[in-house]
Amino acid sequence: MQQRVKPVQVIKYSSQSLEKEMDDLVIIEEPLAIRIGYGAIHQRLQKNLSVTMRTPGHDLELTLGFLYSEGIIQHLSQVQSIRYCTELQRQEEHENIVRVELSPDLDLSQTLYERNFMASSSCGICGKAQIESLEQQNCLTLNHWEYHISPTFLWEIEAKLTQNQTLFSYTGGAHAVAIYENTGELVLLREDIGRHNALDKVIGAKLGLEKQAIAPILVLSSRVSYEMIQKSIMAQFPIIVAVGAPSSLAVELAKQFGITLIAFLRKGKFNVYTHEFRVQ
C-alpha cells in the first residue's frame, strides 16, 4: 500500500507553553506521470500526456478519471490496459508513472492537438479553452435531472464528509471529494492534496460502478473553480455542494449547464447560486 503521510519533527509554539519538539504528520506530495499508447494496431503512438502533483493512492482511478473528465475517453471499454510503468525506471519511480493503452479505433488527433495537460496539485489543468471547449464537445446539460434535496439533508452530509476525512484529520492538508445518493448514502470518498486530483479519483472510481446514473450529489471540501465544474459536467453530476466559495466562472458554467451549485455549506447555512428548484 502506498504511503500517503510522512512523519516529521516540528518545534511547536503556543501562547500557553514554551517551544516543544514533537512528532507530526504531513501529507505526501509526489508527481504522477500519465503516459498513453494510442492509434492503429500497426502504427501505435506514445505520448507523455500529463504530470500532476498528487498524494499517492488510487492512482489508477485518478488516471481513469482524468482521461474521462478531459474527454480522452468516453467509457471504460476504450481502455485496453492500465498499469504502473516499471520498465527502465528507478525503484522510487515505479509507482509514479501510469501507462494506459487505449483502443486502436479511438481517434485522439484533434483532442491531443488542442490541449495542454500539464497540471499541479493546486491549479488544475491550465491553458485550454474555457466554456467554448465544453460546447464543442457537445456536453449534455443537466436540466432534466429531477433530484430534490432539503436543507437538513445538506447539513447531514456535510457532517458525514467531515467524519470521513481521514487524511485531513491526520495532516490538515488534504481535500476531500465525495458522492452521495439523494437518500444520504455515501457512495465514494477520496482525498488528495489537490482538489482536482480528488475529483478525478472519484470520477475514475465511479466509472467502475455498475449503475452510472446513481449518486447525483457531488460534495467538495474545497472552493469551486471552473475546472471542478467542467469535470463535473463531463461526469454528469447535477448537484454540486461545496464547503468553500465558488468562482464567477464556476457559477456561470453551472448555470449554463443545468447544475445546482451550492456553496459555503456550514452548520445551519449555505448559499444556492444556480438552479435552486432542486432545493426544497
Protein backbone atom coordinates (compact mmCIF):
# COMPACT_ATOMS: atom_id res chain seq x y z
CA MET A 1 0.00 0.00 0.00
CA GLN A 2 1.37 3.40 -0.96
CA GLN A 3 2.32 5.72 1.86
CA ARG A 4 0.19 8.86 2.00
CA VAL A 5 1.57 10.60 5.10
CA LYS A 6 5.11 11.17 6.32
CA PRO A 7 6.38 11.73 9.87
CA VAL A 8 8.39 14.90 10.53
CA GLN A 9 9.73 16.68 13.59
CA VAL A 10 8.48 20.17 14.39
CA ILE A 11 9.05 22.79 17.03
CA LYS A 12 5.65 23.69 18.38
CA TYR A 13 4.93 27.13 19.84
CA SER A 14 1.85 28.31 21.65
CA SER A 15 0.86 31.19 23.90
CA GLN A 16 0.38 28.79 26.80
CA SER A 17 3.74 26.99 26.69
CA LEU A 18 7.37 27.25 25.65
CA GLU A 19 8.57 25.76 22.38
CA LYS A 20 8.42 21.96 22.31
CA GLU A 21 9.95 19.47 19.90
CA MET A 22 7.44 16.85 18.83
CA ASP A 23 6.45 14.49 16.01
CA ASP A 24 3.93 15.48 13.38
CA LEU A 25 2.49 14.09 10.15
CA VAL A 26 2.48 15.81 6.76
CA ILE A 27 0.65 14.72 3.63
CA ILE A 28 2.85 13.30 0.88
CA GLU A 29 3.05 15.13 -2.45
CA GLU A 30 4.69 13.34 -5.39
CA PRO A 31 4.47 13.58 -9.18
CA LEU A 32 2.33 11.18 -11.16
CA ALA A 33 3.10 10.91 -14.87
CA ILE A 34 0.37 9.64 -17.21
CA ARG A 35 1.53 8.01 -20.44
CA ILE A 36 -0.77 6.73 -23.17
CA GLY A 37 -0.43 4.41 -26.13
CA TYR A 38 -2.91 5.02 -28.93
CA GLY A 39 -3.50 4.72 -32.64
CA ALA A 40 -3.90 1.87 -35.11
CA ILE A 41 -2.60 -1.58 -34.19
CA HIS A 42 0.13 -1.48 -36.85
CA GLN A 43 1.16 2.11 -36.00
CA ARG A 44 0.90 2.68 -32.27
CA LEU A 45 1.91 6.09 -30.94
CA GLN A 46 3.06 7.07 -27.47
CA LYS A 47 2.58 10.30 -25.57
CA ASN A 48 3.53 11.64 -22.16
CA LEU A 49 0.11 13.12 -21.51
CA SER A 50 0.29 14.77 -18.11
CA VAL A 51 2.25 15.21 -14.93
CA THR A 52 0.27 16.10 -11.83
CA MET A 53 1.39 16.55 -8.25
CA ARG A 54 -0.77 14.24 -6.16
CA THR A 55 -0.98 12.24 -2.95
CA PRO A 56 -0.17 8.57 -3.75
CA GLY A 57 -3.09 6.17 -3.60
CA HIS A 58 -5.91 5.33 -6.02
CA ASP A 59 -3.60 6.33 -8.87
CA LEU A 60 -5.35 4.18 -11.47
CA GLU A 61 -8.67 5.77 -10.53
CA LEU A 62 -7.07 9.21 -10.79
CA THR A 63 -5.77 8.33 -14.25
CA LEU A 64 -9.11 7.00 -15.49
CA GLY A 65 -10.96 9.98 -14.04
CA PHE A 66 -8.53 12.38 -15.68
CA LEU A 67 -8.88 10.69 -19.07
CA TYR A 68 -12.67 10.74 -18.78
CA SER A 69 -13.13 14.26 -17.43
CA GLU A 70 -10.77 15.67 -20.06
CA GLY A 71 -12.63 13.97 -22.91
CA ILE A 72 -9.90 11.49 -23.83
CA ILE A 73 -12.20 8.51 -23.25
CA GLN A 74 -15.99 8.23 -23.07
CA HIS A 75 -16.26 4.81 -21.40
CA LEU A 76 -14.11 2.09 -19.88
CA SER A 77 -14.27 -0.15 -22.95
CA GLN A 78 -11.89 2.29 -24.67
CA VAL A 79 -9.15 1.36 -22.17
CA GLN A 80 -7.32 -1.82 -23.14
CA SER A 81 -4.98 -1.86 -20.16
CA ILE A 82 -3.83 0.37 -17.33
CA ARG A 83 -0.87 -0.30 -15.04
CA TYR A 84 2.15 1.17 -13.35
CA CYS A 85 5.08 1.55 -15.72
CA THR A 86 8.16 -0.09 -14.19
CA GLU A 87 10.40 -0.59 -17.21
CA LEU A 88 13.78 1.16 -17.12
CA GLN A 89 12.83 3.33 -14.16
CA ARG A 90 14.44 3.85 -10.81
CA GLN A 91 12.80 1.93 -7.98
CA GLU A 92 11.40 5.09 -6.40
CA GLU A 93 9.58 5.91 -9.66
CA HIS A 94 7.82 2.56 -10.03
CA GLU A 95 4.54 3.83 -8.61
CA ASN A 96 4.77 7.35 -10.02
CA ILE A 97 4.18 6.53 -13.70
CA VAL A 98 0.96 5.06 -15.08
CA ARG A 99 0.76 3.63 -18.59
CA VAL A 100 -2.59 3.37 -20.39
CA GLU A 101 -3.14 1.52 -23.66
CA LEU A 102 -6.17 2.90 -25.47
CA SER A 103 -8.40 1.27 -28.06
CA PRO A 104 -6.97 1.35 -31.62
CA ASP A 105 -10.20 2.85 -33.01
CA LEU A 106 -10.08 5.86 -30.66
CA ASP A 107 -9.19 8.98 -32.67
CA LEU A 108 -7.26 11.42 -30.46
CA SER A 109 -5.57 13.54 -33.11
CA GLN A 110 -7.70 16.66 -32.59
CA THR A 111 -8.11 16.25 -28.83
CA LEU A 112 -4.39 15.96 -28.13
CA TYR A 113 -3.57 18.81 -30.51
CA GLU A 114 -5.90 21.29 -28.79
CA ARG A 115 -4.96 20.68 -25.16
CA ASN A 116 -2.10 21.29 -22.78
CA PHE A 117 -2.33 18.72 -19.98
CA MET A 118 0.38 19.85 -17.57
CA ALA A 119 -1.02 20.24 -14.07
CA SER A 120 -0.16 20.88 -10.42
CA SER A 121 -1.93 19.88 -7.24
CA SER A 122 -3.32 23.40 -6.80
CA CYS A 123 -4.16 24.91 -10.16
CA GLY A 124 -5.64 22.04 -12.17
CA ILE A 125 -5.42 21.99 -15.94
CA CYS A 126 -4.22 25.21 -17.49
CA GLY A 127 -4.02 26.62 -20.99
CA LYS A 128 -7.15 25.18 -22.61
CA ALA A 129 -10.31 26.90 -23.80
CA GLN A 130 -12.98 27.51 -21.23
CA ILE A 131 -16.73 27.32 -21.81
CA GLU A 132 -16.32 27.03 -25.59
CA SER A 133 -14.41 23.76 -25.23
CA LEU A 134 -17.33 22.14 -23.43
CA GLU A 135 -19.78 23.36 -26.05
CA GLN A 136 -17.60 21.92 -28.79
CA GLN A 137 -17.63 18.54 -27.03
CA ASN A 138 -21.45 18.61 -27.11
CA CYS A 139 -21.68 18.14 -23.35
CA LEU A 140 -25.22 17.47 -22.21
CA THR A 141 -26.95 19.93 -19.90
CA LEU A 142 -28.37 18.51 -16.69
CA ASN A 143 -31.68 20.40 -16.54
CA HIS A 144 -33.60 17.14 -16.94
CA TRP A 145 -32.36 15.68 -13.64
CA GLU A 146 -35.27 15.86 -11.19
CA TYR A 147 -33.50 15.10 -7.92
CA HIS A 148 -34.55 17.22 -4.93
CA ILE A 149 -32.82 17.76 -1.59
CA SER A 150 -33.64 19.53 1.65
CA PRO A 151 -31.57 21.90 3.81
CA THR A 152 -31.50 19.31 6.60
CA PHE A 153 -30.14 16.75 4.16
CA LEU A 154 -27.31 19.10 3.18
CA TRP A 155 -26.23 19.73 6.77
CA GLU A 156 -26.25 15.99 7.45
CA ILE A 157 -23.96 15.16 4.53
CA GLU A 158 -21.60 17.99 5.49
CA ALA A 159 -21.17 16.31 8.87
CA LYS A 160 -20.59 12.94 7.19
CA LEU A 161 -17.91 14.45 4.96
CA THR A 162 -16.00 15.77 7.96
CA GLN A 163 -16.22 12.43 9.77
CA ASN A 164 -14.73 10.56 6.81
CA GLN A 165 -11.78 12.87 6.04
CA THR A 166 -9.07 10.61 7.45
CA LEU A 167 -6.08 12.24 5.74
CA PHE A 168 -7.28 15.69 6.70
CA SER A 169 -7.67 14.67 10.33
CA TYR A 170 -4.04 13.47 10.39
CA THR A 171 -2.41 16.27 8.41
CA GLY A 172 -4.81 19.17 7.82
CA GLY A 173 -3.53 19.17 4.24
CA ALA A 174 -5.99 17.12 2.19
CA HIS A 175 -9.02 17.99 0.09
CA ALA A 176 -11.94 15.57 0.02
CA VAL A 177 -14.48 14.84 -2.70
CA ALA A 178 -17.46 12.57 -2.12
CA ILE A 179 -20.57 11.45 -3.97
CA TYR A 180 -23.86 10.73 -2.28
CA GLU A 181 -27.19 9.21 -3.18
CA ASN A 182 -30.14 11.53 -2.70
CA THR A 183 -31.07 9.18 0.16
CA GLY A 184 -27.97 10.38 2.03
CA GLU A 185 -25.91 7.24 1.46
CA LEU A 186 -22.19 7.89 0.98
CA VAL A 187 -21.12 6.07 -2.19
CA LEU A 188 -17.50 7.15 -2.66
CA LEU A 189 -14.99 9.44 -0.98
CA ARG A 190 -11.41 10.21 -1.98
CA GLU A 191 -8.79 12.56 -0.54
CA ASP A 192 -5.77 14.19 -2.13
CA ILE A 193 -3.51 17.20 -1.70
CA GLY A 194 -5.06 18.53 -4.92
CA ARG A 195 -8.81 19.07 -5.12
CA HIS A 196 -8.79 18.32 -8.85
CA ASN A 197 -7.00 15.04 -8.20
CA ALA A 198 -9.51 14.07 -5.53
CA LEU A 199 -12.33 14.69 -8.01
CA ASP A 200 -10.60 12.68 -10.73
CA LYS A 201 -10.16 9.79 -8.28
CA VAL A 202 -13.90 9.84 -7.55
CA ILE A 203 -14.79 10.03 -11.25
CA GLY A 204 -12.41 7.16 -12.06
CA ALA A 205 -13.90 5.03 -9.30
CA LYS A 206 -17.42 5.92 -10.45
CA LEU A 207 -16.63 4.55 -13.92
CA GLY A 208 -16.35 1.11 -12.38
CA LEU A 209 -19.75 1.23 -10.69
CA GLU A 210 -22.48 -0.90 -12.23
CA LYS A 211 -25.04 1.92 -12.27
CA GLN A 212 -23.62 5.11 -13.75
CA ALA A 213 -26.82 7.07 -13.08
CA ILE A 214 -26.53 6.72 -9.30
CA ALA A 215 -25.01 9.18 -6.84
CA PRO A 216 -26.17 12.54 -8.23
CA ILE A 217 -24.73 14.70 -5.44
CA LEU A 218 -21.08 15.75 -5.50
CA VAL A 219 -19.67 17.22 -2.28
CA LEU A 220 -16.39 19.16 -2.16
CA SER A 221 -14.40 20.18 0.88
CA SER A 222 -12.77 22.94 -1.17
CA ARG A 223 -13.69 26.01 -3.17
CA VAL A 224 -15.31 25.57 -6.59
CA SER A 225 -13.38 26.68 -9.66
CA TYR A 226 -14.13 26.38 -13.38
CA GLU A 227 -12.16 23.13 -13.66
CA MET A 228 -14.19 21.45 -10.93
CA ILE A 229 -17.45 22.32 -12.70
CA GLN A 230 -16.02 21.24 -16.06
CA LYS A 231 -15.09 17.82 -14.73
CA SER A 232 -18.49 17.51 -13.02
CA ILE A 233 -20.30 18.25 -16.28
CA MET A 234 -18.37 15.52 -18.04
CA ALA A 235 -19.24 13.10 -15.22
CA GLN A 236 -22.90 14.26 -15.15
CA PHE A 237 -23.32 15.44 -11.56
CA PRO A 238 -26.49 17.60 -11.40
CA ILE A 239 -25.90 18.83 -7.82
CA ILE A 240 -22.59 20.21 -6.54
CA VAL A 241 -22.19 21.15 -2.90
CA ALA A 242 -19.05 22.88 -1.63
CA VAL A 243 -17.75 23.90 1.75
CA GLY A 244 -15.77 26.74 0.16
CA ALA A 245 -16.56 29.58 -2.22
CA PRO A 246 -17.34 29.43 -5.95
CA SER A 247 -15.62 31.48 -8.62
CA SER A 248 -17.54 33.68 -11.07
CA LEU A 249 -16.82 31.32 -13.96
CA ALA A 250 -17.92 28.32 -11.90
CA VAL A 251 -21.29 29.99 -11.28
CA GLU A 252 -21.65 30.92 -14.95
CA LEU A 253 -20.81 27.41 -16.10
CA ALA A 254 -23.14 25.73 -13.57
CA LYS A 255 -26.00 27.98 -14.66
CA GLN A 256 -25.41 27.29 -18.35
CA PHE A 257 -25.23 23.50 -17.97
CA GLY A 258 -28.11 22.99 -15.54
CA ILE A 259 -26.16 22.27 -12.34
CA THR A 260 -27.49 23.22 -8.94
CA LEU A 261 -24.47 24.86 -7.29
CA ILE A 262 -24.46 25.20 -3.51
CA ALA A 263 -21.51 26.70 -1.63
CA PHE A 264 -20.44 27.97 1.80
CA LEU A 265 -22.04 24.89 3.37
CA ARG A 266 -21.78 25.26 7.13
CA LYS A 267 -23.79 24.14 10.11
CA GLY A 268 -27.14 25.83 9.70
CA LYS A 269 -26.49 27.74 6.46
CA PHE A 270 -25.50 27.61 2.79
CA ASN A 271 -25.86 29.64 -0.41
CA VAL A 272 -27.61 28.41 -3.58
CA TYR A 273 -26.16 30.04 -6.69
CA THR A 274 -27.88 28.29 -9.58
CA HIS A 275 -30.96 26.18 -10.34
CA GLU A 276 -32.46 26.44 -6.89
CA PHE A 277 -35.51 24.34 -7.90
CA ARG A 278 -33.71 21.21 -6.62
CA VAL A 279 -33.54 22.56 -3.05
CA GLN A 280 -36.93 22.14 -1.39
